[in-house]
N, C-alpha and C. Protein backbone atom coordinates (compact mmCIF):
# COMPACT_ATOMS: atom_id res chain seq x y z
N MET A 1 0.90 -1.26 0.03
CA MET A 1 -0.13 -0.32 0.21
C MET A 1 0.58 1.41 -0.09
N PRO A 2 0.46 2.76 -0.73
CA PRO A 2 1.51 3.43 -0.83
C PRO A 2 1.55 4.35 -0.02
N ALA A 3 2.43 5.00 0.40
CA ALA A 3 2.80 6.25 1.88
C ALA A 3 1.46 6.97 1.54
N PHE A 4 1.38 7.65 2.60
CA PHE A 4 0.00 8.64 2.63
C PHE A 4 0.51 9.98 3.31
N ASP A 5 0.46 11.14 3.05
CA ASP A 5 1.03 12.35 3.29
C ASP A 5 0.19 12.68 5.01
N ASN A 6 -1.15 12.26 4.83
CA ASN A 6 -1.76 12.99 6.37
C ASN A 6 -2.75 11.64 6.85
N ALA A 7 -3.39 11.70 7.89
CA ALA A 7 -4.55 11.16 8.33
C ALA A 7 -5.51 10.77 7.46
N HIS A 8 -5.89 12.03 7.27
CA HIS A 8 -7.09 11.77 6.41
C HIS A 8 -7.17 11.16 5.15
N SER A 9 -5.49 11.32 4.40
CA SER A 9 -5.43 10.71 3.45
C SER A 9 -5.66 8.83 3.39
N ARG A 10 -5.20 8.63 5.00
CA ARG A 10 -5.16 7.15 4.89
C ARG A 10 -6.64 6.83 5.27
N MET A 11 -7.31 7.55 6.14
CA MET A 11 -8.86 7.06 6.63
C MET A 11 -9.63 7.01 5.37
N VAL A 12 -9.06 8.08 4.30
CA VAL A 12 -9.88 7.72 2.79
C VAL A 12 -9.68 6.47 1.92
N ALA A 13 -8.43 6.08 2.12
CA ALA A 13 -8.08 4.94 1.45
C ALA A 13 -8.74 3.91 2.20
N TRP A 14 -8.68 3.68 3.55
CA TRP A 14 -9.13 2.67 4.25
C TRP A 14 -10.64 2.38 4.03
N ALA A 15 -11.52 3.49 3.76
CA ALA A 15 -12.98 3.67 3.58
C ALA A 15 -13.09 2.95 2.32
N LYS A 16 -12.20 3.21 1.48
CA LYS A 16 -12.50 2.89 0.12
C LYS A 16 -12.58 1.36 -0.21
N ILE A 17 -11.95 0.71 1.52
CA ILE A 17 -11.93 -0.55 1.31
C ILE A 17 -12.82 -1.28 2.39
N THR A 18 -12.93 -0.62 3.46
CA THR A 18 -13.94 -1.30 4.75
C THR A 18 -15.37 -1.19 3.75
N LEU A 19 -15.82 0.02 3.22
CA LEU A 19 -17.13 0.39 3.10
C LEU A 19 -17.74 -0.52 2.16
N PRO A 20 -17.10 -1.03 0.92
CA PRO A 20 -17.56 -1.96 0.23
C PRO A 20 -17.67 -3.25 0.89
N LEU A 21 -16.79 -3.39 1.72
CA LEU A 21 -16.89 -5.14 2.37
C LEU A 21 -17.86 -4.78 2.94
N ALA A 22 -18.42 -3.77 4.04
CA ALA A 22 -19.44 -3.61 4.89
C ALA A 22 -20.76 -4.06 4.15
N ALA A 23 -20.58 -3.09 3.15
CA ALA A 23 -21.92 -3.30 2.01
C ALA A 23 -22.42 -4.53 1.62
N LEU A 24 -21.30 -5.44 1.41
CA LEU A 24 -21.39 -6.67 0.88
C LEU A 24 -21.80 -7.29 1.96
N ALA A 25 -21.39 -7.87 2.99
CA ALA A 25 -21.77 -8.27 4.30
C ALA A 25 -23.08 -8.04 4.62
N LEU A 26 -23.74 -6.90 4.23
CA LEU A 26 -25.00 -6.74 5.10
C LEU A 26 -26.08 -7.32 3.87
N LEU A 27 -25.36 -7.10 2.44
CA LEU A 27 -26.62 -7.78 1.77
C LEU A 27 -26.64 -9.16 1.60
N SER A 28 -25.42 -9.91 2.04
CA SER A 28 -25.48 -11.30 2.59
C SER A 28 -26.15 -11.71 3.53
N THR A 29 -26.47 -10.81 4.81
CA THR A 29 -27.22 -11.55 5.87
C THR A 29 -28.55 -10.73 5.34
N LEU A 30 -28.75 -9.91 4.74
CA LEU A 30 -30.27 -10.10 4.07
C LEU A 30 -30.42 -11.21 3.48
N PHE A 31 -29.96 -11.69 2.49
CA PHE A 31 -30.58 -12.93 1.73
C PHE A 31 -30.53 -13.93 2.60
N LEU A 32 -29.74 -14.21 3.49
CA LEU A 32 -29.29 -15.22 4.28
C LEU A 32 -30.76 -15.63 5.34
N PHE A 33 -31.04 -14.57 5.98
CA PHE A 33 -32.39 -14.72 6.97
C PHE A 33 -33.75 -14.07 6.16
N SER A 34 -33.72 -13.72 4.88
CA SER A 34 -35.11 -13.41 4.39
C SER A 34 -35.54 -14.57 4.05
N GLY A 35 -37.18 -14.72 4.08
CA GLY A 35 -38.05 -15.90 3.73
C GLY A 35 -37.69 -16.52 2.56
N LYS A 36 -37.88 -17.72 2.33
CA LYS A 36 -37.78 -18.56 0.93
C LYS A 36 -38.96 -18.12 0.19
N VAL A 37 -38.75 -18.04 -0.92
CA VAL A 37 -39.81 -17.48 -1.82
C VAL A 37 -40.18 -18.90 -2.74
N ASP A 38 -41.70 -19.23 -2.45
CA ASP A 38 -42.31 -20.68 -3.25
C ASP A 38 -42.57 -20.42 -4.60
N PRO A 39 -41.91 -20.42 -6.04
CA PRO A 39 -42.09 -20.34 -6.90
C PRO A 39 -43.40 -20.62 -7.46
N THR A 40 -43.94 -21.50 -6.93
CA THR A 40 -45.30 -22.40 -6.97
C THR A 40 -46.75 -21.48 -6.67
N ASP A 41 -46.11 -20.62 -5.54
CA ASP A 41 -47.31 -19.97 -4.99
C ASP A 41 -47.98 -18.81 -6.09
N ALA A 42 -49.52 -19.19 -6.26
CA ALA A 42 -49.98 -18.39 -7.43
C ALA A 42 -50.29 -16.66 -6.72
N ILE A 43 -50.05 -15.58 -7.49
CA ILE A 43 -50.66 -14.71 -6.90
C ILE A 43 -51.89 -14.65 -7.06
N PRO A 44 -52.45 -14.00 -6.11
CA PRO A 44 -54.01 -14.21 -6.18
C PRO A 44 -54.71 -13.14 -7.26
N TYR A 45 -54.53 -13.18 -8.62
CA TYR A 45 -55.46 -12.54 -9.44
C TYR A 45 -56.78 -13.12 -9.40
N ALA A 46 -57.84 -12.30 -10.27
CA ALA A 46 -59.10 -13.07 -10.09
C ALA A 46 -59.01 -14.13 -11.63
N THR A 47 -59.90 -15.22 -11.34
CA THR A 47 -59.89 -15.83 -12.62
C THR A 47 -60.47 -15.56 -13.70
N VAL A 48 -59.95 -15.23 -14.87
CA VAL A 48 -60.84 -14.53 -15.89
C VAL A 48 -60.40 -15.70 -17.35
N ASP A 49 -61.64 -15.89 -18.06
CA ASP A 49 -61.43 -16.56 -19.25
C ASP A 49 -61.27 -15.83 -20.54
N VAL A 50 -60.10 -15.30 -20.67
CA VAL A 50 -59.96 -14.55 -21.72
C VAL A 50 -60.73 -15.07 -23.10
N ALA A 51 -60.81 -16.29 -23.41
CA ALA A 51 -61.29 -16.29 -24.69
C ALA A 51 -62.93 -16.14 -24.52
N GLU A 52 -63.32 -16.82 -23.21
CA GLU A 52 -65.14 -16.04 -23.41
C GLU A 52 -65.25 -14.71 -23.40
N LEU A 53 -64.45 -13.52 -22.64
CA LEU A 53 -64.65 -12.56 -22.80
C LEU A 53 -64.24 -12.00 -24.19
N ALA A 54 -63.49 -12.60 -25.00
CA ALA A 54 -63.37 -12.13 -26.56
C ALA A 54 -64.86 -12.46 -27.39
N ARG A 55 -65.40 -13.62 -26.76
CA ARG A 55 -66.14 -14.04 -27.29
C ARG A 55 -67.75 -13.13 -27.16
N GLU A 56 -67.60 -12.97 -25.62
CA GLU A 56 -68.71 -12.51 -25.13
C GLU A 56 -68.46 -10.98 -24.17
N PRO A 57 -68.19 -10.10 -24.89
CA PRO A 57 -67.83 -8.91 -24.32
C PRO A 57 -68.81 -8.31 -23.12
N ARG A 58 -68.41 -7.94 -21.79
CA ARG A 58 -69.49 -7.58 -20.84
C ARG A 58 -68.84 -6.04 -20.38
N LEU A 59 -70.03 -5.76 -19.41
CA LEU A 59 -69.55 -4.74 -18.55
C LEU A 59 -69.46 -5.02 -17.07
N THR A 60 -69.07 -4.69 -16.29
CA THR A 60 -68.75 -4.90 -14.83
C THR A 60 -69.48 -3.92 -13.93
N ALA A 61 -70.51 -4.05 -13.21
CA ALA A 61 -70.97 -3.27 -12.59
C ALA A 61 -72.03 -2.06 -12.85
N PRO A 62 -72.42 -2.19 -13.80
CA PRO A 62 -73.04 -1.23 -14.92
C PRO A 62 -74.00 -0.24 -14.15
N GLU A 63 -74.44 1.00 -14.38
CA GLU A 63 -75.19 1.77 -13.36
C GLU A 63 -75.81 2.82 -14.51
N TYR A 64 -77.09 2.91 -14.25
CA TYR A 64 -78.08 3.85 -15.26
C TYR A 64 -78.75 4.79 -14.24
N ALA A 65 -78.72 5.77 -14.03
CA ALA A 65 -79.70 6.85 -13.46
C ALA A 65 -80.40 7.93 -14.60
N GLY A 66 -81.60 7.87 -13.89
CA GLY A 66 -82.58 9.18 -14.75
C GLY A 66 -83.57 9.78 -14.09
N MET A 67 -84.20 10.55 -14.65
CA MET A 67 -85.26 11.11 -14.18
C MET A 67 -86.50 11.09 -15.24
N THR A 68 -87.69 10.42 -14.58
CA THR A 68 -88.80 10.60 -15.50
C THR A 68 -89.00 11.68 -15.91
N GLN A 69 -90.56 11.82 -16.83
CA GLN A 69 -91.12 13.13 -17.22
C GLN A 69 -91.77 13.28 -16.15
N ASP A 70 -92.49 12.41 -15.05
CA ASP A 70 -93.74 12.76 -13.80
C ASP A 70 -92.56 13.09 -12.53
N GLY A 71 -91.21 13.20 -12.70
CA GLY A 71 -90.51 13.73 -11.75
C GLY A 71 -89.82 12.55 -10.61
N ALA A 72 -90.13 11.26 -11.05
CA ALA A 72 -89.38 10.29 -10.23
C ALA A 72 -88.03 9.96 -10.71
N ALA A 73 -87.16 9.88 -9.77
CA ALA A 73 -85.62 9.55 -10.16
C ALA A 73 -85.69 8.26 -10.14
N LEU A 74 -85.15 7.18 -10.86
CA LEU A 74 -85.03 5.97 -11.21
C LEU A 74 -83.44 5.83 -11.27
N SER A 75 -83.13 4.95 -10.80
CA SER A 75 -81.61 4.44 -10.77
C SER A 75 -81.44 2.68 -10.64
N ILE A 76 -80.37 2.46 -11.39
CA ILE A 76 -80.75 0.62 -11.51
C ILE A 76 -78.96 0.26 -11.52
N THR A 77 -78.78 -0.84 -11.32
CA THR A 77 -77.35 -1.54 -11.07
C THR A 77 -77.55 -2.81 -11.60
N ALA A 78 -76.42 -3.35 -12.06
CA ALA A 78 -76.55 -4.59 -11.93
C ALA A 78 -75.01 -5.26 -11.85
N GLU A 79 -74.94 -6.67 -11.65
CA GLU A 79 -73.42 -7.27 -11.37
C GLU A 79 -72.88 -7.17 -12.78
N THR A 80 -73.51 -7.52 -13.73
CA THR A 80 -72.75 -7.55 -15.04
C THR A 80 -73.81 -7.38 -16.18
N ALA A 81 -73.11 -6.65 -17.25
CA ALA A 81 -74.32 -6.60 -18.42
C ALA A 81 -73.43 -6.57 -19.72
N THR A 82 -74.29 -7.63 -20.82
CA THR A 82 -73.75 -8.17 -21.87
C THR A 82 -74.14 -7.46 -23.11
N PRO A 83 -73.58 -6.14 -23.86
CA PRO A 83 -73.86 -5.58 -24.82
C PRO A 83 -74.95 -6.79 -25.95
N ASP A 84 -76.17 -6.27 -26.31
CA ASP A 84 -76.67 -7.15 -27.45
C ASP A 84 -75.89 -7.03 -28.37
N PRO A 85 -76.10 -7.98 -29.66
CA PRO A 85 -74.91 -8.45 -30.69
C PRO A 85 -75.94 -7.55 -31.87
N GLY A 86 -74.91 -7.10 -32.47
CA GLY A 86 -75.32 -6.43 -33.46
C GLY A 86 -75.16 -4.54 -33.24
N GLY A 87 -74.85 -4.30 -31.58
CA GLY A 87 -75.28 -2.82 -31.53
C GLY A 87 -76.63 -2.46 -31.63
N GLN A 88 -77.81 -3.11 -30.77
CA GLN A 88 -78.69 -2.54 -30.86
C GLN A 88 -78.96 -1.40 -29.76
N GLY A 89 -78.04 -1.38 -28.85
CA GLY A 89 -78.30 -0.32 -27.91
C GLY A 89 -78.28 -0.95 -26.58
N GLY A 90 -79.07 -2.14 -26.32
CA GLY A 90 -79.39 -2.47 -25.32
C GLY A 90 -78.38 -3.54 -24.43
N ALA A 91 -78.79 -4.06 -23.26
CA ALA A 91 -77.66 -5.28 -22.80
C ALA A 91 -78.46 -6.21 -21.83
N SER A 92 -78.39 -7.25 -21.85
CA SER A 92 -78.40 -8.30 -20.95
C SER A 92 -77.98 -8.29 -19.49
N ALA A 93 -78.33 -7.90 -18.23
CA ALA A 93 -77.80 -8.09 -17.25
C ALA A 93 -78.46 -8.99 -16.23
N ARG A 94 -77.46 -9.41 -15.59
CA ARG A 94 -77.70 -10.31 -14.09
C ARG A 94 -77.43 -9.34 -12.71
N ALA A 95 -78.22 -10.10 -11.78
CA ALA A 95 -78.29 -9.48 -10.72
C ALA A 95 -78.48 -8.09 -10.59
N MET A 96 -80.07 -7.50 -10.99
CA MET A 96 -80.38 -6.48 -10.92
C MET A 96 -81.08 -5.50 -9.89
N VAL A 97 -80.91 -4.15 -9.18
CA VAL A 97 -81.08 -3.95 -8.63
C VAL A 97 -81.95 -2.61 -8.66
N ALA A 98 -82.96 -1.84 -8.84
CA ALA A 98 -83.32 -0.38 -9.13
C ALA A 98 -84.09 0.05 -7.87
N HIS A 99 -84.18 1.54 -8.00
CA HIS A 99 -84.54 1.99 -6.79
C HIS A 99 -85.65 3.24 -7.43
N LEU A 100 -86.67 3.55 -7.06
CA LEU A 100 -87.33 4.34 -7.66
C LEU A 100 -87.91 5.55 -6.74
N ASP A 101 -87.85 6.90 -7.07
CA ASP A 101 -87.98 7.66 -6.10
C ASP A 101 -89.08 8.66 -6.77
N MET A 102 -90.25 8.81 -5.97
CA MET A 102 -91.36 9.46 -6.70
C MET A 102 -91.60 11.15 -6.03
N PRO A 103 -92.23 12.11 -6.22
CA PRO A 103 -92.40 12.79 -6.08
C PRO A 103 -92.92 13.37 -4.75
N GLY A 104 -93.81 12.43 -4.33
CA GLY A 104 -94.85 12.61 -3.59
C GLY A 104 -94.22 11.49 -2.13
N GLY A 105 -92.78 11.07 -2.36
CA GLY A 105 -92.17 10.83 -1.64
C GLY A 105 -92.57 8.87 -1.46
N LEU A 106 -93.66 8.22 -2.20
CA LEU A 106 -93.23 6.86 -2.43
C LEU A 106 -92.03 6.56 -3.12
N THR A 107 -91.51 5.06 -2.44
CA THR A 107 -90.24 4.77 -3.19
C THR A 107 -90.52 2.93 -3.41
N ALA A 108 -89.89 2.68 -4.38
CA ALA A 108 -90.00 1.21 -4.53
C ALA A 108 -88.66 0.74 -5.04
N GLU A 109 -88.64 -0.57 -4.63
CA GLU A 109 -87.23 -1.01 -4.88
C GLU A 109 -87.61 -2.85 -5.36
N LEU A 110 -86.72 -2.37 -6.61
CA LEU A 110 -86.70 -3.78 -7.55
C LEU A 110 -85.66 -4.83 -7.32
N ALA A 111 -85.69 -6.10 -7.61
CA ALA A 111 -84.61 -6.93 -7.59
C ALA A 111 -85.00 -7.97 -8.35
N SER A 112 -83.88 -8.83 -9.13
CA SER A 112 -84.07 -9.59 -10.24
C SER A 112 -82.86 -10.52 -10.44
N ALA A 113 -83.22 -11.79 -10.89
CA ALA A 113 -81.89 -12.40 -11.03
C ALA A 113 -81.00 -12.17 -12.60
N GLU A 114 -81.88 -11.61 -13.38
CA GLU A 114 -81.56 -11.43 -14.69
C GLU A 114 -82.45 -10.29 -15.38
N GLY A 115 -82.49 -9.59 -16.62
CA GLY A 115 -82.84 -8.50 -16.83
C GLY A 115 -82.24 -8.21 -18.03
N ARG A 116 -82.91 -6.79 -18.70
CA ARG A 116 -82.58 -6.33 -19.49
C ARG A 116 -82.65 -4.75 -19.73
N MET A 117 -81.43 -4.41 -19.81
CA MET A 117 -81.36 -2.69 -19.49
C MET A 117 -81.53 -2.19 -21.21
N ASP A 118 -82.17 -1.33 -21.36
CA ASP A 118 -82.49 -0.70 -22.89
C ASP A 118 -83.00 0.84 -22.27
N PRO A 119 -81.76 1.62 -22.13
CA PRO A 119 -82.61 3.09 -21.99
C PRO A 119 -82.97 4.02 -22.76
N ALA A 120 -82.01 3.20 -24.14
CA ALA A 120 -82.20 4.30 -25.42
C ALA A 120 -83.79 3.99 -25.77
N GLY A 121 -84.19 2.93 -25.84
CA GLY A 121 -85.42 2.41 -25.82
C GLY A 121 -86.56 2.72 -24.96
N GLY A 122 -86.65 3.51 -23.99
CA GLY A 122 -87.29 3.32 -22.70
C GLY A 122 -87.73 2.45 -21.82
N LEU A 123 -86.99 1.23 -21.80
CA LEU A 123 -87.49 0.31 -21.29
C LEU A 123 -86.44 -0.92 -20.51
N ILE A 124 -86.52 -0.89 -19.02
CA ILE A 124 -85.94 -1.92 -18.23
C ILE A 124 -86.63 -2.93 -18.10
N THR A 125 -86.22 -4.33 -18.33
CA THR A 125 -87.02 -5.54 -18.18
C THR A 125 -86.21 -6.28 -17.10
N PHE A 126 -87.05 -6.78 -16.01
CA PHE A 126 -86.55 -7.53 -14.81
C PHE A 126 -87.11 -9.00 -15.09
N SER A 127 -86.29 -9.97 -14.97
CA SER A 127 -86.59 -11.47 -15.20
C SER A 127 -86.20 -12.60 -14.07
N LYS A 128 -87.05 -13.39 -14.03
CA LYS A 128 -86.61 -14.59 -13.00
C LYS A 128 -86.36 -13.85 -11.48
N ALA A 129 -87.15 -14.37 -10.83
CA ALA A 129 -87.61 -13.76 -9.15
C ALA A 129 -87.27 -12.39 -9.32
N VAL A 130 -88.34 -12.02 -9.97
CA VAL A 130 -88.35 -10.41 -9.59
C VAL A 130 -88.99 -10.15 -8.31
N VAL A 131 -89.04 -9.12 -7.47
CA VAL A 131 -89.24 -8.46 -6.22
C VAL A 131 -89.48 -7.49 -6.36
N LEU A 132 -90.79 -7.11 -5.99
CA LEU A 132 -91.01 -5.34 -6.20
C LEU A 132 -91.59 -5.18 -4.66
N SER A 133 -90.99 -4.11 -3.89
CA SER A 133 -91.08 -3.76 -2.83
C SER A 133 -91.29 -2.22 -2.79
N THR A 134 -92.35 -1.74 -1.98
CA THR A 134 -92.82 -0.51 -1.75
C THR A 134 -92.84 -0.02 -0.35
N SER A 135 -92.76 1.42 -0.75
CA SER A 135 -92.61 1.98 1.16
C SER A 135 -94.17 2.05 1.44
N THR A 136 -94.90 1.60 0.59
CA THR A 136 -96.39 1.23 1.76
C THR A 136 -96.46 0.00 2.16
N GLY A 137 -95.79 -0.62 2.05
CA GLY A 137 -96.06 -2.13 2.35
C GLY A 137 -95.93 -3.06 1.46
N TYR A 138 -96.02 -2.79 0.67
CA TYR A 138 -96.45 -4.05 -0.51
C TYR A 138 -94.83 -4.87 -0.68
N SER A 139 -95.32 -6.48 -0.93
CA SER A 139 -94.19 -6.95 -1.31
C SER A 139 -94.76 -8.02 -2.55
N ILE A 140 -94.27 -7.96 -3.69
CA ILE A 140 -94.47 -8.48 -4.94
C ILE A 140 -93.79 -9.25 -5.73
N LYS A 141 -94.06 -10.56 -6.04
CA LYS A 141 -93.31 -11.64 -6.74
C LYS A 141 -93.89 -11.82 -7.83
N THR A 142 -92.94 -11.73 -8.89
CA THR A 142 -93.82 -12.17 -10.27
C THR A 142 -92.07 -12.60 -10.92
N ALA A 143 -92.27 -13.14 -12.22
CA ALA A 143 -91.65 -13.93 -12.82
C ALA A 143 -90.81 -12.70 -14.18
N LEU A 144 -91.98 -11.70 -14.22
CA LEU A 144 -91.36 -10.79 -15.37
C LEU A 144 -92.21 -9.47 -14.83
N LEU A 145 -91.04 -8.32 -15.18
CA LEU A 145 -91.79 -7.03 -14.91
C LEU A 145 -90.88 -5.71 -15.85
N GLU A 146 -91.73 -5.06 -16.26
CA GLU A 146 -91.17 -3.97 -17.13
C GLU A 146 -91.13 -2.58 -16.74
N ALA A 147 -90.57 -1.81 -16.61
CA ALA A 147 -90.24 -0.42 -16.22
C ALA A 147 -90.17 0.20 -17.38
N ALA A 148 -90.59 1.42 -17.30
CA ALA A 148 -90.60 2.28 -18.06
C ALA A 148 -89.70 3.54 -17.89
N THR A 149 -88.61 4.06 -18.79
CA THR A 149 -87.73 4.79 -18.42
C THR A 149 -88.07 6.51 -18.12
N ASP A 150 -89.32 6.54 -18.79
CA ASP A 150 -89.74 8.03 -19.27
C ASP A 150 -90.93 8.37 -18.37
N HIS A 151 -91.59 7.40 -17.92
CA HIS A 151 -92.77 7.68 -16.72
C HIS A 151 -92.25 6.27 -15.68
N SER A 152 -92.98 6.85 -14.48
CA SER A 152 -93.28 6.25 -13.10
C SER A 152 -94.41 4.95 -13.66
N VAL A 153 -94.24 4.02 -14.35
CA VAL A 153 -94.62 2.97 -14.82
C VAL A 153 -94.38 1.54 -14.81
N LEU A 154 -94.62 0.53 -13.88
CA LEU A 154 -94.08 -0.67 -13.78
C LEU A 154 -95.50 -1.73 -14.05
N THR A 155 -94.89 -2.39 -15.09
CA THR A 155 -96.02 -3.71 -15.58
C THR A 155 -95.56 -4.95 -15.51
N ALA A 156 -96.39 -5.84 -14.77
CA ALA A 156 -96.30 -7.25 -14.43
C ALA A 156 -97.28 -7.75 -15.41
N PRO A 157 -96.87 -8.58 -16.88
CA PRO A 157 -97.85 -8.91 -17.50
C PRO A 157 -98.29 -10.27 -17.24
N GLY A 158 -97.60 -11.03 -16.27
CA GLY A 158 -98.06 -12.34 -15.75
C GLY A 158 -98.55 -12.70 -14.42
N THR A 159 -98.82 -13.77 -14.00
CA THR A 159 -98.84 -14.04 -12.40
C THR A 159 -97.86 -13.46 -11.29
N VAL A 160 -98.65 -12.62 -10.49
CA VAL A 160 -97.90 -11.68 -9.21
C VAL A 160 -98.44 -12.53 -8.18
N ASN A 161 -97.89 -12.29 -6.95
CA ASN A 161 -98.17 -12.89 -5.79
C ASN A 161 -97.76 -11.74 -4.81
N ALA A 162 -98.42 -10.86 -3.75
CA ALA A 162 -97.83 -10.17 -3.33
C ALA A 162 -98.27 -10.01 -2.11
N ALA A 163 -97.84 -9.56 -1.06
CA ALA A 163 -97.82 -9.10 0.31
C ALA A 163 -98.20 -7.85 0.70
N ALA A 164 -99.59 -7.89 1.07
CA ALA A 164 -99.85 -6.26 1.39
C ALA A 164 -100.30 -6.04 2.66
N PRO A 165 -100.54 -4.58 3.19
CA PRO A 165 -100.45 -4.84 4.70
C PRO A 165 -101.98 -5.17 5.23
N PHE A 166 -102.87 -5.43 4.02
CA PHE A 166 -104.49 -6.05 4.52
C PHE A 166 -104.19 -7.35 4.37
N GLY A 167 -103.29 -8.09 3.99
CA GLY A 167 -103.60 -9.59 3.45
C GLY A 167 -102.29 -10.22 2.66
N THR A 168 -103.07 -10.78 2.09
CA THR A 168 -102.03 -11.59 0.71
C THR A 168 -103.11 -11.86 -0.52
N LEU A 169 -102.41 -11.62 -1.73
CA LEU A 169 -103.23 -11.87 -3.03
C LEU A 169 -102.46 -12.42 -4.30
N THR A 170 -103.57 -12.77 -4.93
CA THR A 170 -102.72 -13.27 -6.50
C THR A 170 -103.22 -12.73 -7.57
N ALA A 171 -102.99 -12.35 -8.59
CA ALA A 171 -103.61 -12.03 -9.95
C ALA A 171 -102.64 -12.44 -11.10
N GLY A 172 -103.46 -11.89 -12.35
CA GLY A 172 -102.91 -12.42 -13.40
C GLY A 172 -101.93 -11.71 -13.82
N SER A 173 -102.19 -10.21 -13.51
CA SER A 173 -101.11 -9.11 -14.00
C SER A 173 -101.00 -8.24 -12.61
N MET A 174 -100.05 -7.14 -13.18
CA MET A 174 -100.24 -6.00 -12.45
C MET A 174 -99.93 -4.84 -12.90
N ARG A 175 -100.12 -3.65 -12.56
CA ARG A 175 -99.77 -2.38 -13.31
C ARG A 175 -99.65 -1.27 -12.03
N PHE A 176 -98.46 -0.55 -11.91
CA PHE A 176 -97.84 0.33 -11.28
C PHE A 176 -97.88 1.62 -11.86
N SER A 177 -98.60 2.68 -11.80
CA SER A 177 -98.40 4.34 -12.65
C SER A 177 -99.08 5.24 -11.59
N SER A 178 -98.19 6.27 -12.26
CA SER A 178 -98.32 7.87 -11.78
C SER A 178 -99.51 8.18 -12.41
N ASP A 179 -100.30 8.94 -11.45
CA ASP A 179 -101.40 9.83 -11.57
C ASP A 179 -101.05 11.47 -11.50
N ASP A 180 -102.05 12.34 -11.96
CA ASP A 180 -102.03 13.87 -11.79
C ASP A 180 -100.44 14.47 -11.74
N GLY A 181 -100.06 13.76 -13.10
CA GLY A 181 -98.59 14.48 -12.86
C GLY A 181 -97.59 14.13 -11.74
N GLY A 182 -97.72 12.96 -11.71
CA GLY A 182 -96.72 12.30 -10.63
C GLY A 182 -97.07 12.18 -9.14
N ALA A 183 -98.46 13.23 -9.01
CA ALA A 183 -98.73 13.54 -7.43
C ALA A 183 -98.89 12.32 -6.69
N THR A 184 -99.95 11.41 -7.36
CA THR A 184 -100.50 10.04 -6.72
C THR A 184 -99.87 8.83 -7.82
N HIS A 185 -100.19 7.53 -7.04
CA HIS A 185 -99.90 6.53 -7.67
C HIS A 185 -100.40 5.42 -7.34
N VAL A 186 -100.79 4.77 -8.48
CA VAL A 186 -101.57 3.79 -8.42
C VAL A 186 -101.51 2.18 -8.71
N LEU A 187 -101.77 1.48 -7.84
CA LEU A 187 -101.47 -0.40 -8.06
C LEU A 187 -102.82 -0.84 -8.39
N VAL A 188 -102.76 -1.38 -9.73
CA VAL A 188 -103.89 -2.30 -9.93
C VAL A 188 -103.34 -3.62 -10.48
N PHE A 189 -104.31 -4.69 -9.63
CA PHE A 189 -104.43 -5.89 -9.99
C PHE A 189 -105.41 -6.21 -10.82
N ASN A 190 -104.95 -7.09 -11.70
CA ASN A 190 -105.91 -7.42 -12.78
C ASN A 190 -105.77 -8.87 -12.64
N ASP A 191 -107.29 -9.36 -13.58
CA ASP A 191 -107.02 -11.01 -14.21
C ASP A 191 -106.76 -11.89 -12.95
N GLY A 192 -108.34 -12.26 -12.38
CA GLY A 192 -108.60 -13.35 -11.77
C GLY A 192 -107.53 -12.88 -10.45
N VAL A 193 -108.16 -11.90 -9.79
CA VAL A 193 -107.62 -11.46 -8.57
C VAL A 193 -108.09 -12.33 -7.12
N LYS A 194 -107.19 -12.69 -6.40
CA LYS A 194 -107.91 -13.74 -5.38
C LYS A 194 -107.33 -12.92 -4.01
N LEU A 195 -108.16 -12.62 -3.15
CA LEU A 195 -107.74 -11.88 -2.00
C LEU A 195 -107.56 -12.32 -0.80
N ILE A 196 -106.54 -12.87 0.18
CA ILE A 196 -107.00 -13.39 1.59
C ILE A 196 -106.61 -12.38 2.52
N TYR A 197 -107.87 -11.73 2.84
CA TYR A 197 -107.85 -10.78 3.89
C TYR A 197 -107.36 -11.08 5.28
N LEU A 198 -106.39 -10.29 6.03
CA LEU A 198 -105.76 -10.46 7.27
C LEU A 198 -106.10 -9.36 7.97
N PRO A 199 -107.37 -9.43 8.64
CA PRO A 199 -107.34 -7.93 9.49
C PRO A 199 -106.41 -8.07 10.76
N LYS A 200 -105.61 -6.91 11.14
CA LYS A 200 -104.98 -6.54 12.10
C LYS A 200 -105.60 -6.84 13.42
N GLU A 201 -104.60 -7.20 14.38
CA GLU A 201 -105.15 -7.57 15.60
C GLU A 201 -105.44 -6.81 16.81
């Protein structure tokens, strides 16, 4: 090792040797005591079938919100939605949930396992295990229910089973609509209505 004129030069020379050695020792210790990595452990990514997505593109958690001409606020969400082939504008949906707020304070909740969203066509269709609940105490089950997007109109063209504040009833069809510019709402059951009246105790 060459001679140095002063202590500062000697210290710098020793630092050039000892500091890299110390860094090497620290790195060796880090790798020695770090946990072993198992390359077979899979990173928890969501399972996605890329081929299926290419064949059938879909939207995750789509939402629709709008205002009807009679002043009701309509919002709809779904778990997934698959656009109609050919760009027709609608989409088939799964696990749909809708909320309708009317100007007079009445609210309605809708849920179904499947359905179709077509706001451009002015119609939302709920199908398969449809449940309609209103703030006035009605709980209605049916297989198919159509909701207009321009007015507060809900239509069930098939059999409905309802639990009402006064009892239970079944009917061949049902229609819920607004009247007097949205100030009042009418729930009408048609086609062979059967009512079981349960008076309050």
